[in-house]
Amino acid sequence: MKKMKKVLLRILCILIICWLAMFMTDFIRSRTLHPPIFAYQLTSADDGGSGTYQGLGYKVEVKKYMDINFGAKTAYVKMCIFGKVIVYSNE
């Protein structure tokens, strides 16, 4: 029974570490006005890449616009975890 608990605890720790790695990657990308990697896109728009992304326990909203000279530019990226805004980056 003790061996089973150790195995389950190790699996849980590995899952938490993997989630933290995915979350921190998307968190850093959100702070630098980039879309997330480990979240899937729920909605999208035809204005250069705006959309809402859903991760495991967090949501990222990306708003882009078309610039005449430079093409698609990011207006802002907002990241929420469990409904609380933790990152709001704009240009």
C-alpha atoms as a PDB file:
ATOM      1  CA  MET A   1       0.000   0.000   0.000  1.00  0.00           C
ATOM      2  CA  LYS A   2       2.871   2.407   0.794  1.00  0.00           C
ATOM      3  CA  LYS A   3       4.436   1.684  -2.574  1.00  0.00           C
ATOM      4  CA  MET A   4       1.168   2.567  -4.331  1.00  0.00           C
ATOM      5  CA  LYS A   5       0.952   5.880  -2.451  1.00  0.00           C
ATOM      6  CA  LYS A   6       4.518   6.762  -3.426  1.00  0.00           C
ATOM      7  CA  VAL A   7       3.800   6.011  -7.075  1.00  0.00           C
ATOM      8  CA  LEU A   8       0.613   8.112  -7.032  1.00  0.00           C
ATOM      9  CA  LEU A   9       2.424  10.963  -5.281  1.00  0.00           C
ATOM     10  CA  ARG A  10       5.194  10.896  -7.894  1.00  0.00           C
ATOM     11  CA  ILE A  11       2.663  10.898 -10.730  1.00  0.00           C
ATOM     12  CA  LEU A  12       0.828  13.829  -9.130  1.00  0.00           C
ATOM     13  CA  CYS A  13       4.086  15.755  -8.731  1.00  0.00           C
ATOM     14  CA  ILE A  14       5.009  15.117 -12.359  1.00  0.00           C
ATOM     15  CA  LEU A  15       1.581  16.332 -13.525  1.00  0.00           C
ATOM     16  CA  ILE A  16       1.858  19.491 -11.418  1.00  0.00           C
ATOM     17  CA  ILE A  17       5.347  20.218 -12.752  1.00  0.00           C
ATOM     18  CA  CYS A  18       4.137  19.720 -16.347  1.00  0.00           C
ATOM     19  CA  TRP A  19       1.161  22.050 -15.767  1.00  0.00           C
ATOM     20  CA  LEU A  20       3.428  24.688 -14.226  1.00  0.00           C
ATOM     21  CA  ALA A  21       5.798  24.478 -17.199  1.00  0.00           C
ATOM     22  CA  MET A  22       2.928  24.911 -19.677  1.00  0.00           C
ATOM     23  CA  PHE A  23       1.391  27.731 -17.632  1.00  0.00           C
ATOM     24  CA  MET A  24       4.667  29.608 -17.215  1.00  0.00           C
ATOM     25  CA  THR A  25       5.429  29.326 -20.936  1.00  0.00           C
ATOM     26  CA  ASP A  26       2.050  30.818 -21.844  1.00  0.00           C
ATOM     27  CA  PHE A  27       2.386  33.404 -19.039  1.00  0.00           C
ATOM     28  CA  ILE A  28       5.734  34.640 -20.374  1.00  0.00           C
ATOM     29  CA  ARG A  29       4.410  34.689 -23.941  1.00  0.00           C
ATOM     30  CA  SER A  30       1.385  36.704 -22.810  1.00  0.00           C
ATOM     31  CA  ARG A  31       3.607  39.264 -21.114  1.00  0.00           C
ATOM     32  CA  THR A  32       5.543  39.715 -24.372  1.00  0.00           C
ATOM     33  CA  LEU A  33       2.407  40.109 -26.552  1.00  0.00           C
ATOM     34  CA  HIS A  34       2.539  36.642 -28.124  1.00  0.00           C
ATOM     35  CA  PRO A  35      -0.289  34.090 -28.359  1.00  0.00           C
ATOM     36  CA  PRO A  36      -0.075  31.024 -26.105  1.00  0.00           C
ATOM     37  CA  ILE A  37       1.380  27.700 -27.211  1.00  0.00           C
ATOM     38  CA  PHE A  38      -0.293  25.247 -24.821  1.00  0.00           C
ATOM     39  CA  ALA A  39      -3.863  26.529 -25.098  1.00  0.00           C
ATOM     40  CA  TYR A  40      -6.358  25.752 -27.842  1.00  0.00           C
ATOM     41  CA  GLN A  41      -8.190  28.481 -29.710  1.00  0.00           C
ATOM     42  CA  LEU A  42     -11.882  28.825 -28.835  1.00  0.00           C
ATOM     43  CA  THR A  43     -12.760  31.787 -31.039  1.00  0.00           C
ATOM     44  CA  SER A  44     -11.006  33.657 -33.818  1.00  0.00           C
ATOM     45  CA  ALA A  45     -11.556  36.786 -35.886  1.00  0.00           C
ATOM     46  CA  ASP A  46     -10.481  37.839 -39.372  1.00  0.00           C
ATOM     47  CA  ASP A  47      -8.596  40.934 -38.186  1.00  0.00           C
ATOM     48  CA  GLY A  48      -5.099  39.495 -38.164  1.00  0.00           C
ATOM     49  CA  GLY A  49      -5.296  36.789 -35.513  1.00  0.00           C
ATOM     50  CA  SER A  50      -7.466  37.951 -32.605  1.00  0.00           C
ATOM     51  CA  GLY A  51      -8.990  35.212 -30.539  1.00  0.00           C
ATOM     52  CA  THR A  52      -9.666  33.555 -27.217  1.00  0.00           C
ATOM     53  CA  TYR A  53      -7.541  30.621 -26.079  1.00  0.00           C
ATOM     54  CA  GLN A  54      -8.388  28.123 -23.321  1.00  0.00           C
ATOM     55  CA  GLY A  55      -5.701  26.349 -21.313  1.00  0.00           C
ATOM     56  CA  LEU A  56      -5.915  24.058 -18.288  1.00  0.00           C
ATOM     57  CA  GLY A  57      -7.373  26.474 -15.725  1.00  0.00           C
ATOM     58  CA  TYR A  58      -6.556  29.665 -17.597  1.00  0.00           C
ATOM     59  CA  LYS A  59      -7.827  31.706 -20.530  1.00  0.00           C
ATOM     60  CA  VAL A  60      -5.918  34.069 -22.825  1.00  0.00           C
ATOM     61  CA  GLU A  61      -7.545  36.772 -24.938  1.00  0.00           C
ATOM     62  CA  VAL A  62      -5.492  38.168 -27.824  1.00  0.00           C
ATOM     63  CA  LYS A  63      -6.611  41.276 -29.711  1.00  0.00           C
ATOM     64  CA  LYS A  64      -4.850  42.146 -32.966  1.00  0.00           C
ATOM     65  CA  TYR A  65      -5.405  44.715 -35.669  1.00  0.00           C
ATOM     66  CA  MET A  66      -4.166  45.317 -39.186  1.00  0.00           C
ATOM     67  CA  ASP A  67      -1.623  48.087 -39.652  1.00  0.00           C
ATOM     68  CA  ILE A  68      -1.250  49.479 -43.145  1.00  0.00           C
ATOM     69  CA  ASN A  69       2.556  49.565 -42.990  1.00  0.00           C
ATOM     70  CA  PHE A  70       3.397  46.587 -40.767  1.00  0.00           C
ATOM     71  CA  GLY A  71       0.542  44.083 -41.193  1.00  0.00           C
ATOM     72  CA  ALA A  72      -0.985  42.334 -38.193  1.00  0.00           C
ATOM     73  CA  LYS A  73      -0.028  43.941 -34.866  1.00  0.00           C
ATOM     74  CA  THR A  74      -1.034  42.925 -31.360  1.00  0.00           C
ATOM     75  CA  ALA A  75      -3.134  45.473 -29.489  1.00  0.00           C
ATOM     76  CA  TYR A  76      -3.251  43.589 -26.169  1.00  0.00           C
ATOM     77  CA  VAL A  77      -3.027  40.176 -24.525  1.00  0.00           C
ATOM     78  CA  LYS A  78      -5.056  39.434 -21.389  1.00  0.00           C
ATOM     79  CA  MET A  79      -4.515  36.279 -19.327  1.00  0.00           C
ATOM     80  CA  CYS A  80      -6.951  35.120 -16.645  1.00  0.00           C
ATOM     81  CA  ILE A  81      -6.571  32.231 -14.230  1.00  0.00           C
ATOM     82  CA  PHE A  82      -9.760  30.982 -12.606  1.00  0.00           C
ATOM     83  CA  GLY A  83     -11.495  34.238 -13.613  1.00  0.00           C
ATOM     84  CA  LYS A  84      -8.858  36.637 -12.205  1.00  0.00           C
ATOM     85  CA  VAL A  85      -6.772  38.793 -14.575  1.00  0.00           C
ATOM     86  CA  ILE A  86      -3.076  38.161 -13.927  1.00  0.00           C
ATOM     87  CA  VAL A  87      -1.525  39.619 -17.099  1.00  0.00           C
ATOM     88  CA  TYR A  88      -2.678  42.521 -19.231  1.00  0.00           C
ATOM     89  CA  SER A  89      -0.063  43.595 -21.774  1.00  0.00           C
ATOM     90  CA  ASN A  90      -0.668  46.210 -24.421  1.00  0.00           C
ATOM     91  CA  GLU A  91       1.555  48.039 -26.841  1.00  0.00           C
END
